[in-house]
Every structure is written in structure tokens, then in C-alpha cells.
Amino acid sequence: MAAFNLKINGKNIEVDVDPNTPLLWVLRDHLNLVGTKYGCGIAQCGACTVHLGDIATRSCMLTVSSVGNQEITTIEGLSEDGDHPVQRAWLEVDVPQCGYCQAGQIMTASALLKKNPDPTDEEIEMAMNGNICRCGTYLRIKKAVKLAAENNS
């Protein structure tokens, strides 16, 4: 076990865990930040996406020891009241069906819009490509990303 000082959602938090523990399990099991979901465990589905700095990052394969002093943002920290432009667009377009993948989808979309506030359809498709939605809401996801971009400009 080792002590790690992490900055998560704007707060400094110390955890005492095995250095090889994936960040996903630190968030869920040790800090009760359960909005970040376990999907595949091999960084292929996107359900576990968080921001590491401003980069959308899969937390299931990222060890806590590799985080260093980079800031971590989870879906719980994206906005205090769930009013981030992407979250609002998600509701307006009625994106979720089962909702399981949505936190990862939202985190990927918000990272895209932070880097590129006016993405083309192709740029949205490329950025969201690795996030799997079992319900197949891909068209609504793209529509919500475009709406968030419009509302954020």
C-alpha cells in the first residue's frame, strides 16, 4: 500500500492503495464516486472515461500511481448542478436510454468541446468513436454534442 495525494473534482484527497490499482477502482471503491462506470476493463468501451487534466482518459487501465499530480475530473465534478452545456444538451435531446454509458459519453464530449468548441460532424464522430452505447443512441449523441457546441458559443 502507498499513500497518493490526488486532486479530484477540485479537492485534494489522500488515498492509501496499492500503486497498481486502476484509477476507476480508487474512484468507485475508495472514494464512492460511482458515476464513472466499469464496462469492459480493457479501455475499449469508454464507460470509465474521466478527464486527466483536459484529456478524456479511460480510468479502468490507468493505475493510480501513473496519475501523478494531474487533476482528475469525474462526471460528478463536471458541474455542481448538472448544468454543464453537454449535460443540458443530453437532456434536451433525450440521449440516454439505459444510461449506463452516458457518463463516459458526456466526459468524452465535454473534453472534445473544450479542445474544439465548434467541431464538424466528422470531428465529433472521430472523438466519440471509442465510446460504445449498447442502446445505439449514436445519432442523438452527435446531435447533443452539436447542440452543446451551439449553446456554448
N, C-alpha and C. Protein backbone atom coordinates (compact mmCIF):
# COMPACT_ATOMS: atom_id res chain seq x y z
N MET A 1 0.84 -1.18 0.00
CA MET A 1 0.00 0.00 0.00
C MET A 1 0.88 1.24 0.00
N ALA A 2 0.34 2.31 -0.58
CA ALA A 2 1.06 3.57 -0.63
C ALA A 2 0.04 4.70 -0.56
N ALA A 3 0.44 5.82 -0.06
CA ALA A 3 -0.43 6.99 0.02
C ALA A 3 -0.27 7.82 -1.24
N PHE A 4 -1.39 8.21 -1.82
CA PHE A 4 -1.39 9.04 -3.02
C PHE A 4 -2.23 10.28 -2.74
N ASN A 5 -1.67 11.42 -3.05
CA ASN A 5 -2.40 12.69 -2.95
C ASN A 5 -2.94 13.01 -4.33
N LEU A 6 -4.24 12.94 -4.47
CA LEU A 6 -4.89 13.16 -5.75
C LEU A 6 -5.72 14.43 -5.69
N LYS A 7 -5.80 15.13 -6.82
CA LYS A 7 -6.70 16.27 -6.93
C LYS A 7 -7.86 15.81 -7.80
N ILE A 8 -9.01 15.63 -7.15
CA ILE A 8 -10.18 15.10 -7.83
C ILE A 8 -11.33 16.09 -7.67
N ASN A 9 -11.87 16.51 -8.79
CA ASN A 9 -13.00 17.44 -8.80
C ASN A 9 -12.72 18.68 -7.95
N GLY A 10 -11.48 19.16 -8.04
CA GLY A 10 -11.09 20.38 -7.35
C GLY A 10 -10.71 20.22 -5.89
N LYS A 11 -10.74 18.99 -5.39
CA LYS A 11 -10.41 18.75 -3.98
C LYS A 11 -9.16 17.88 -3.89
N ASN A 12 -8.33 18.14 -2.90
CA ASN A 12 -7.17 17.31 -2.62
C ASN A 12 -7.62 16.16 -1.73
N ILE A 13 -7.35 14.95 -2.19
CA ILE A 13 -7.79 13.76 -1.49
C ILE A 13 -6.62 12.80 -1.37
N GLU A 14 -6.42 12.25 -0.18
CA GLU A 14 -5.37 11.25 0.01
C GLU A 14 -6.01 9.87 0.09
N VAL A 15 -5.44 8.94 -0.66
CA VAL A 15 -5.89 7.55 -0.60
C VAL A 15 -4.69 6.66 -0.35
N ASP A 16 -4.92 5.59 0.35
CA ASP A 16 -3.88 4.61 0.65
C ASP A 16 -4.27 3.31 -0.05
N VAL A 17 -3.65 3.07 -1.20
CA VAL A 17 -4.00 1.91 -2.02
C VAL A 17 -2.74 1.31 -2.64
N ASP A 18 -2.89 0.14 -3.19
CA ASP A 18 -1.82 -0.48 -3.95
C ASP A 18 -1.52 0.41 -5.16
N PRO A 19 -0.26 0.68 -5.47
CA PRO A 19 0.09 1.55 -6.59
C PRO A 19 -0.44 1.08 -7.95
N ASN A 20 -0.71 -0.22 -8.08
CA ASN A 20 -1.20 -0.76 -9.35
C ASN A 20 -2.72 -0.77 -9.46
N THR A 21 -3.41 -0.21 -8.47
CA THR A 21 -4.87 -0.15 -8.51
C THR A 21 -5.31 0.79 -9.63
N PRO A 22 -6.20 0.31 -10.51
CA PRO A 22 -6.72 1.22 -11.54
C PRO A 22 -7.47 2.39 -10.90
N LEU A 23 -7.32 3.56 -11.52
CA LEU A 23 -7.99 4.75 -11.02
C LEU A 23 -9.49 4.52 -10.88
N LEU A 24 -10.09 3.79 -11.79
CA LEU A 24 -11.53 3.51 -11.73
C LEU A 24 -11.92 2.95 -10.36
N TRP A 25 -11.14 2.00 -9.86
CA TRP A 25 -11.50 1.36 -8.60
C TRP A 25 -11.19 2.26 -7.41
N VAL A 26 -10.20 3.12 -7.54
CA VAL A 26 -9.96 4.11 -6.48
C VAL A 26 -11.18 5.02 -6.39
N LEU A 27 -11.65 5.50 -7.54
CA LEU A 27 -12.80 6.40 -7.57
C LEU A 27 -14.04 5.72 -7.00
N ARG A 28 -14.35 4.53 -7.49
CA ARG A 28 -15.59 3.86 -7.12
C ARG A 28 -15.53 3.25 -5.72
N ASP A 29 -14.49 2.46 -5.46
CA ASP A 29 -14.45 1.67 -4.22
C ASP A 29 -13.91 2.42 -3.02
N HIS A 30 -13.01 3.35 -3.24
CA HIS A 30 -12.39 4.04 -2.11
C HIS A 30 -12.97 5.43 -1.87
N LEU A 31 -13.50 6.06 -2.92
CA LEU A 31 -13.99 7.43 -2.78
C LEU A 31 -15.49 7.56 -3.03
N ASN A 32 -16.15 6.46 -3.36
CA ASN A 32 -17.59 6.43 -3.59
C ASN A 32 -18.04 7.39 -4.69
N LEU A 33 -17.18 7.61 -5.67
CA LEU A 33 -17.55 8.39 -6.86
C LEU A 33 -17.97 7.38 -7.93
N VAL A 34 -19.23 6.98 -7.87
CA VAL A 34 -19.70 5.85 -8.66
C VAL A 34 -20.33 6.24 -10.00
N GLY A 35 -20.26 7.51 -10.37
CA GLY A 35 -20.76 7.93 -11.68
C GLY A 35 -19.91 7.37 -12.81
N THR A 36 -18.63 7.18 -12.56
CA THR A 36 -17.73 6.57 -13.53
C THR A 36 -17.97 5.07 -13.50
N LYS A 37 -18.30 4.50 -14.64
CA LYS A 37 -18.75 3.11 -14.69
C LYS A 37 -17.66 2.15 -15.17
N TYR A 38 -17.77 0.90 -14.74
CA TYR A 38 -16.96 -0.20 -15.25
C TYR A 38 -17.72 -0.79 -16.43
N GLY A 39 -17.05 -0.89 -17.56
CA GLY A 39 -17.69 -1.50 -18.73
C GLY A 39 -16.95 -2.75 -19.14
N CYS A 40 -15.80 -2.58 -19.75
CA CYS A 40 -15.07 -3.71 -20.32
C CYS A 40 -13.80 -4.07 -19.55
N GLY A 41 -13.21 -3.11 -18.88
CA GLY A 41 -11.98 -3.36 -18.15
C GLY A 41 -10.72 -3.35 -18.99
N ILE A 42 -10.86 -3.08 -20.29
CA ILE A 42 -9.69 -3.06 -21.17
C ILE A 42 -9.61 -1.77 -22.00
N ALA A 43 -10.24 -0.72 -21.52
CA ALA A 43 -10.19 0.61 -22.13
C ALA A 43 -10.72 0.65 -23.57
N GLN A 44 -11.72 -0.18 -23.85
CA GLN A 44 -12.27 -0.22 -25.20
C GLN A 44 -13.67 0.35 -25.32
N CYS A 45 -14.41 0.48 -24.20
CA CYS A 45 -15.82 0.88 -24.32
C CYS A 45 -16.10 2.33 -23.96
N GLY A 46 -15.26 2.93 -23.11
CA GLY A 46 -15.43 4.34 -22.76
C GLY A 46 -16.30 4.62 -21.56
N ALA A 47 -16.92 3.62 -20.95
CA ALA A 47 -17.80 3.86 -19.80
C ALA A 47 -17.05 4.46 -18.62
N CYS A 48 -15.75 4.21 -18.54
CA CYS A 48 -14.93 4.65 -17.40
C CYS A 48 -14.21 5.97 -17.66
N THR A 49 -14.61 6.71 -18.67
CA THR A 49 -13.89 7.93 -19.06
C THR A 49 -14.00 9.03 -18.01
N VAL A 50 -12.85 9.59 -17.67
CA VAL A 50 -12.72 10.76 -16.81
C VAL A 50 -11.80 11.73 -17.54
N HIS A 51 -11.65 12.92 -16.99
CA HIS A 51 -10.66 13.85 -17.53
C HIS A 51 -9.42 13.77 -16.67
N LEU A 52 -8.30 13.63 -17.31
CA LEU A 52 -7.00 13.74 -16.66
C LEU A 52 -6.40 15.01 -17.24
N GLY A 53 -6.39 16.06 -16.44
CA GLY A 53 -6.14 17.39 -16.99
C GLY A 53 -7.36 17.72 -17.85
N ASP A 54 -7.14 18.02 -19.10
CA ASP A 54 -8.26 18.30 -20.02
C ASP A 54 -8.48 17.15 -21.01
N ILE A 55 -7.81 16.04 -20.80
CA ILE A 55 -7.85 14.92 -21.75
C ILE A 55 -8.81 13.84 -21.27
N ALA A 56 -9.71 13.41 -22.15
CA ALA A 56 -10.59 12.28 -21.85
C ALA A 56 -9.73 11.03 -21.76
N THR A 57 -9.81 10.34 -20.62
CA THR A 57 -8.92 9.23 -20.32
C THR A 57 -9.71 8.06 -19.75
N ARG A 58 -9.38 6.86 -20.19
CA ARG A 58 -10.03 5.65 -19.68
C ARG A 58 -9.41 5.30 -18.32
N SER A 59 -10.20 5.28 -17.29
CA SER A 59 -9.69 5.08 -15.94
C SER A 59 -9.54 3.61 -15.54
N CYS A 60 -10.08 2.70 -16.33
CA CYS A 60 -10.01 1.28 -15.95
C CYS A 60 -8.61 0.68 -16.12
N MET A 61 -7.79 1.26 -16.98
CA MET A 61 -6.45 0.75 -17.23
C MET A 61 -5.36 1.69 -16.73
N LEU A 62 -5.74 2.84 -16.19
CA LEU A 62 -4.80 3.84 -15.70
C LEU A 62 -4.53 3.58 -14.22
N THR A 63 -3.31 3.21 -13.88
CA THR A 63 -3.02 2.95 -12.47
C THR A 63 -2.95 4.26 -11.71
N VAL A 64 -3.33 4.19 -10.45
CA VAL A 64 -3.31 5.38 -9.60
C VAL A 64 -1.89 5.95 -9.51
N SER A 65 -0.88 5.10 -9.57
CA SER A 65 0.50 5.58 -9.47
C SER A 65 0.94 6.37 -10.69
N SER A 66 0.25 6.22 -11.80
CA SER A 66 0.63 6.94 -13.02
C SER A 66 -0.06 8.30 -13.16
N VAL A 67 -0.97 8.61 -12.27
CA VAL A 67 -1.70 9.88 -12.34
C VAL A 67 -0.78 11.06 -12.03
N GLY A 68 0.11 10.88 -11.08
CA GLY A 68 0.99 11.98 -10.68
C GLY A 68 0.19 13.10 -10.07
N ASN A 69 0.52 14.33 -10.44
CA ASN A 69 -0.20 15.48 -9.88
C ASN A 69 -1.21 16.07 -10.86
N GLN A 70 -1.58 15.30 -11.87
CA GLN A 70 -2.58 15.78 -12.82
C GLN A 70 -3.97 15.81 -12.17
N GLU A 71 -4.73 16.83 -12.49
CA GLU A 71 -6.07 16.94 -11.95
C GLU A 71 -7.00 15.94 -12.62
N ILE A 72 -7.85 15.32 -11.81
CA ILE A 72 -8.84 14.35 -12.28
C ILE A 72 -10.22 14.98 -12.15
N THR A 73 -11.01 14.88 -13.21
CA THR A 73 -12.40 15.31 -13.13
C THR A 73 -13.28 14.14 -13.50
N THR A 74 -14.23 13.83 -12.64
CA THR A 74 -15.21 12.78 -12.91
C THR A 74 -16.53 13.44 -13.32
N ILE A 75 -17.49 12.63 -13.68
CA ILE A 75 -18.80 13.17 -14.05
C ILE A 75 -19.39 13.98 -12.89
N GLU A 76 -19.10 13.58 -11.66
CA GLU A 76 -19.61 14.32 -10.50
C GLU A 76 -19.00 15.71 -10.41
N GLY A 77 -17.80 15.89 -10.96
CA GLY A 77 -17.12 17.17 -10.89
C GLY A 77 -17.24 18.03 -12.13
N LEU A 78 -17.93 17.52 -13.15
CA LEU A 78 -18.06 18.29 -14.39
C LEU A 78 -18.80 19.60 -14.13
N SER A 79 -19.84 19.55 -13.31
CA SER A 79 -20.54 20.76 -12.87
C SER A 79 -21.25 20.45 -11.56
N GLU A 80 -21.39 21.46 -10.73
CA GLU A 80 -22.01 21.26 -9.42
C GLU A 80 -23.48 20.86 -9.51
N ASP A 81 -24.17 21.45 -10.47
CA ASP A 81 -25.62 21.25 -10.54
C ASP A 81 -26.08 20.47 -11.77
N GLY A 82 -25.15 19.81 -12.45
CA GLY A 82 -25.53 19.09 -13.66
C GLY A 82 -25.92 20.01 -14.80
N ASP A 83 -25.36 21.23 -14.78
CA ASP A 83 -25.76 22.21 -15.79
C ASP A 83 -24.66 22.54 -16.80
N HIS A 84 -23.69 21.66 -16.91
CA HIS A 84 -22.68 21.82 -17.96
C HIS A 84 -23.40 21.81 -19.31
N PRO A 85 -22.95 22.58 -20.29
CA PRO A 85 -23.64 22.61 -21.59
C PRO A 85 -23.87 21.23 -22.21
N VAL A 86 -22.94 20.32 -22.03
CA VAL A 86 -23.12 18.97 -22.58
C VAL A 86 -24.22 18.24 -21.80
N GLN A 87 -24.23 18.36 -20.50
CA GLN A 87 -25.28 17.72 -19.71
C GLN A 87 -26.66 18.27 -20.06
N ARG A 88 -26.75 19.58 -20.23
CA ARG A 88 -28.04 20.19 -20.61
C ARG A 88 -28.49 19.69 -21.99
N ALA A 89 -27.54 19.63 -22.93
CA ALA A 89 -27.87 19.16 -24.28
C ALA A 89 -28.30 17.70 -24.25
N TRP A 90 -27.65 16.91 -23.42
CA TRP A 90 -28.01 15.49 -23.30
C TRP A 90 -29.47 15.33 -22.90
N LEU A 91 -29.90 16.17 -21.96
CA LEU A 91 -31.29 16.10 -21.51
C LEU A 91 -32.25 16.64 -22.57
N GLU A 92 -31.85 17.75 -23.20
CA GLU A 92 -32.73 18.35 -24.21
C GLU A 92 -32.96 17.41 -25.39
N VAL A 93 -31.92 16.71 -25.80
CA VAL A 93 -32.03 15.79 -26.94
C VAL A 93 -32.57 14.43 -26.49
N ASP A 94 -32.64 14.19 -25.19
CA ASP A 94 -33.10 12.93 -24.63
C ASP A 94 -32.23 11.77 -25.10
N VAL A 95 -30.93 11.92 -24.89
CA VAL A 95 -29.96 10.94 -25.37
C VAL A 95 -30.09 9.59 -24.68
N PRO A 96 -30.09 9.51 -23.35
CA PRO A 96 -29.96 8.20 -22.71
C PRO A 96 -31.17 7.30 -22.87
N GLN A 97 -30.90 6.03 -23.01
CA GLN A 97 -31.93 5.02 -22.87
C GLN A 97 -31.65 4.29 -21.55
N CYS A 98 -30.71 3.35 -21.55
CA CYS A 98 -30.40 2.69 -20.27
C CYS A 98 -29.52 3.59 -19.41
N GLY A 99 -28.71 4.45 -20.05
CA GLY A 99 -27.90 5.42 -19.33
C GLY A 99 -26.54 4.95 -18.87
N TYR A 100 -26.23 3.67 -18.98
CA TYR A 100 -25.00 3.15 -18.40
C TYR A 100 -23.76 3.82 -18.97
N CYS A 101 -23.70 4.04 -20.25
CA CYS A 101 -22.51 4.60 -20.90
C CYS A 101 -22.46 6.12 -20.85
N GLN A 102 -23.52 6.75 -20.40
CA GLN A 102 -23.67 8.18 -20.60
C GLN A 102 -22.62 9.04 -19.90
N ALA A 103 -22.19 8.67 -18.70
CA ALA A 103 -21.15 9.47 -18.03
C ALA A 103 -19.89 9.51 -18.88
N GLY A 104 -19.49 8.35 -19.40
CA GLY A 104 -18.30 8.30 -20.26
C GLY A 104 -18.50 9.08 -21.55
N GLN A 105 -19.69 8.99 -22.12
CA GLN A 105 -20.00 9.73 -23.34
C GLN A 105 -19.91 11.24 -23.07
N ILE A 106 -20.50 11.68 -21.98
CA ILE A 106 -20.51 13.10 -21.63
C ILE A 106 -19.10 13.60 -21.36
N MET A 107 -18.30 12.80 -20.67
CA MET A 107 -16.93 13.22 -20.38
C MET A 107 -16.10 13.32 -21.65
N THR A 108 -16.30 12.40 -22.58
CA THR A 108 -15.59 12.47 -23.87
C THR A 108 -16.05 13.69 -24.66
N ALA A 109 -17.35 13.91 -24.71
CA ALA A 109 -17.89 15.05 -25.47
C ALA A 109 -17.43 16.38 -24.88
N SER A 110 -17.41 16.49 -23.56
CA SER A 110 -17.01 17.76 -22.95
C SER A 110 -15.52 18.03 -23.16
N ALA A 111 -14.70 16.98 -23.17
CA ALA A 111 -13.26 17.16 -23.47
C ALA A 111 -13.09 17.62 -24.91
N LEU A 112 -13.86 17.03 -25.82
CA LEU A 112 -13.80 17.45 -27.23
C LEU A 112 -14.13 18.93 -27.36
N LEU A 113 -15.23 19.36 -26.74
CA LEU A 113 -15.67 20.75 -26.89
C LEU A 113 -14.74 21.73 -26.20
N LYS A 114 -14.06 21.30 -25.18
CA LYS A 114 -13.08 22.19 -24.55
C LYS A 114 -11.92 22.43 -25.50
N LYS A 115 -11.51 21.38 -26.21
CA LYS A 115 -10.39 21.48 -27.16
C LYS A 115 -10.83 22.10 -28.48
N ASN A 116 -12.04 21.78 -28.91
CA ASN A 116 -12.55 22.21 -30.21
C ASN A 116 -14.01 22.64 -30.03
N PRO A 117 -14.26 23.92 -29.77
CA PRO A 117 -15.62 24.37 -29.46
C PRO A 117 -16.60 24.33 -30.62
N ASP A 118 -16.13 24.12 -31.83
CA ASP A 118 -17.03 24.08 -32.99
C ASP A 118 -16.65 22.92 -33.91
N PRO A 119 -16.81 21.69 -33.44
CA PRO A 119 -16.37 20.54 -34.24
C PRO A 119 -17.32 20.25 -35.41
N THR A 120 -16.75 19.71 -36.46
CA THR A 120 -17.54 19.23 -37.59
C THR A 120 -18.16 17.88 -37.21
N ASP A 121 -19.08 17.40 -38.03
CA ASP A 121 -19.66 16.08 -37.80
C ASP A 121 -18.57 15.01 -37.75
N GLU A 122 -17.62 15.11 -38.66
CA GLU A 122 -16.55 14.13 -38.72
C GLU A 122 -15.68 14.18 -37.46
N GLU A 123 -15.41 15.38 -36.95
CA GLU A 123 -14.61 15.51 -35.73
C GLU A 123 -15.36 14.95 -34.52
N ILE A 124 -16.66 15.15 -34.48
CA ILE A 124 -17.47 14.57 -33.40
C ILE A 124 -17.42 13.05 -33.49
N GLU A 125 -17.62 12.52 -34.68
CA GLU A 125 -17.60 11.06 -34.86
C GLU A 125 -16.25 10.47 -34.48
N MET A 126 -15.17 11.14 -34.86
CA MET A 126 -13.83 10.65 -34.51
C MET A 126 -13.61 10.68 -33.00
N ALA A 127 -13.99 11.76 -32.35
CA ALA A 127 -13.77 11.89 -30.91
C ALA A 127 -14.61 10.88 -30.12
N MET A 128 -15.83 10.65 -30.57
CA MET A 128 -16.75 9.78 -29.83
C MET A 128 -16.62 8.32 -30.25
N ASN A 129 -15.80 8.04 -31.24
CA ASN A 129 -15.70 6.72 -31.84
C ASN A 129 -15.45 5.59 -30.85
N GLY A 130 -14.67 5.79 -29.83
CA GLY A 130 -14.33 4.72 -28.90
C GLY A 130 -15.34 4.51 -27.79
N ASN A 131 -16.39 5.30 -27.74
CA ASN A 131 -17.40 5.15 -26.68
C ASN A 131 -18.56 4.32 -27.22
N ILE A 132 -18.76 3.18 -26.62
CA ILE A 132 -19.80 2.26 -27.08
C ILE A 132 -21.10 2.51 -26.32
N CYS A 133 -22.19 2.54 -27.07
CA CYS A 133 -23.53 2.67 -26.49
C CYS A 133 -24.31 1.43 -26.93
N ARG A 134 -24.63 0.57 -25.98
CA ARG A 134 -25.36 -0.66 -26.31
C ARG A 134 -26.75 -0.37 -26.84
N CYS A 135 -27.31 0.77 -26.47
CA CYS A 135 -28.66 1.12 -26.92
C CYS A 135 -28.66 1.76 -28.31
N GLY A 136 -27.48 2.11 -28.81
CA GLY A 136 -27.37 2.65 -30.16
C GLY A 136 -27.85 4.08 -30.32
N THR A 137 -27.63 4.92 -29.33
CA THR A 137 -28.11 6.30 -29.40
C THR A 137 -27.10 7.24 -30.07
N TYR A 138 -26.31 6.72 -30.97
CA TYR A 138 -25.23 7.49 -31.59
C TYR A 138 -25.71 8.75 -32.31
N LEU A 139 -26.83 8.68 -33.00
CA LEU A 139 -27.32 9.87 -33.71
C LEU A 139 -27.73 10.96 -32.72
N ARG A 140 -28.37 10.57 -31.61
CA ARG A 140 -28.75 11.56 -30.60
C ARG A 140 -27.51 12.10 -29.88
N ILE A 141 -26.50 11.25 -29.69
CA ILE A 141 -25.25 11.71 -29.06
C ILE A 141 -24.63 12.81 -29.93
N LYS A 142 -24.53 12.55 -31.23
CA LYS A 142 -23.94 13.56 -32.12
C LYS A 142 -24.78 14.83 -32.12
N LYS A 143 -26.09 14.69 -32.13
CA LYS A 143 -26.97 15.85 -32.10
C LYS A 143 -26.77 16.65 -30.81
N ALA A 144 -26.61 15.97 -29.69
CA ALA A 144 -26.40 16.65 -28.41
C ALA A 144 -25.05 17.36 -28.36
N VAL A 145 -24.03 16.75 -28.92
CA VAL A 145 -22.71 17.40 -28.96
C VAL A 145 -22.80 18.68 -29.78
N LYS A 146 -23.49 18.60 -30.93
CA LYS A 146 -23.64 19.79 -31.77
C LYS A 146 -24.45 20.87 -31.04
N LEU A 147 -25.49 20.48 -30.34
CA LEU A 147 -26.29 21.44 -29.59
C LEU A 147 -25.48 22.08 -28.47
N ALA A 148 -24.70 21.28 -27.77
CA ALA A 148 -23.84 21.83 -26.71
C ALA A 148 -22.84 22.82 -27.28
N ALA A 149 -22.30 22.53 -28.44
CA ALA A 149 -21.35 23.45 -29.09
C ALA A 149 -22.06 24.76 -29.44
N GLU A 150 -23.27 24.67 -29.96
CA GLU A 150 -24.03 25.88 -30.32
C GLU A 150 -24.36 26.70 -29.07
N ASN A 151 -24.80 26.02 -28.02
CA ASN A 151 -25.21 26.70 -26.79
C ASN A 151 -24.04 27.27 -26.00
N ASN A 152 -22.85 26.75 -26.27
CA ASN A 152 -21.67 27.18 -25.52
C ASN A 152 -20.93 28.32 -26.22
N SER A 153 -21.34 28.63 -27.44
CA SER A 153 -20.63 29.68 -28.18
C SER A 153 -21.20 31.04 -27.95
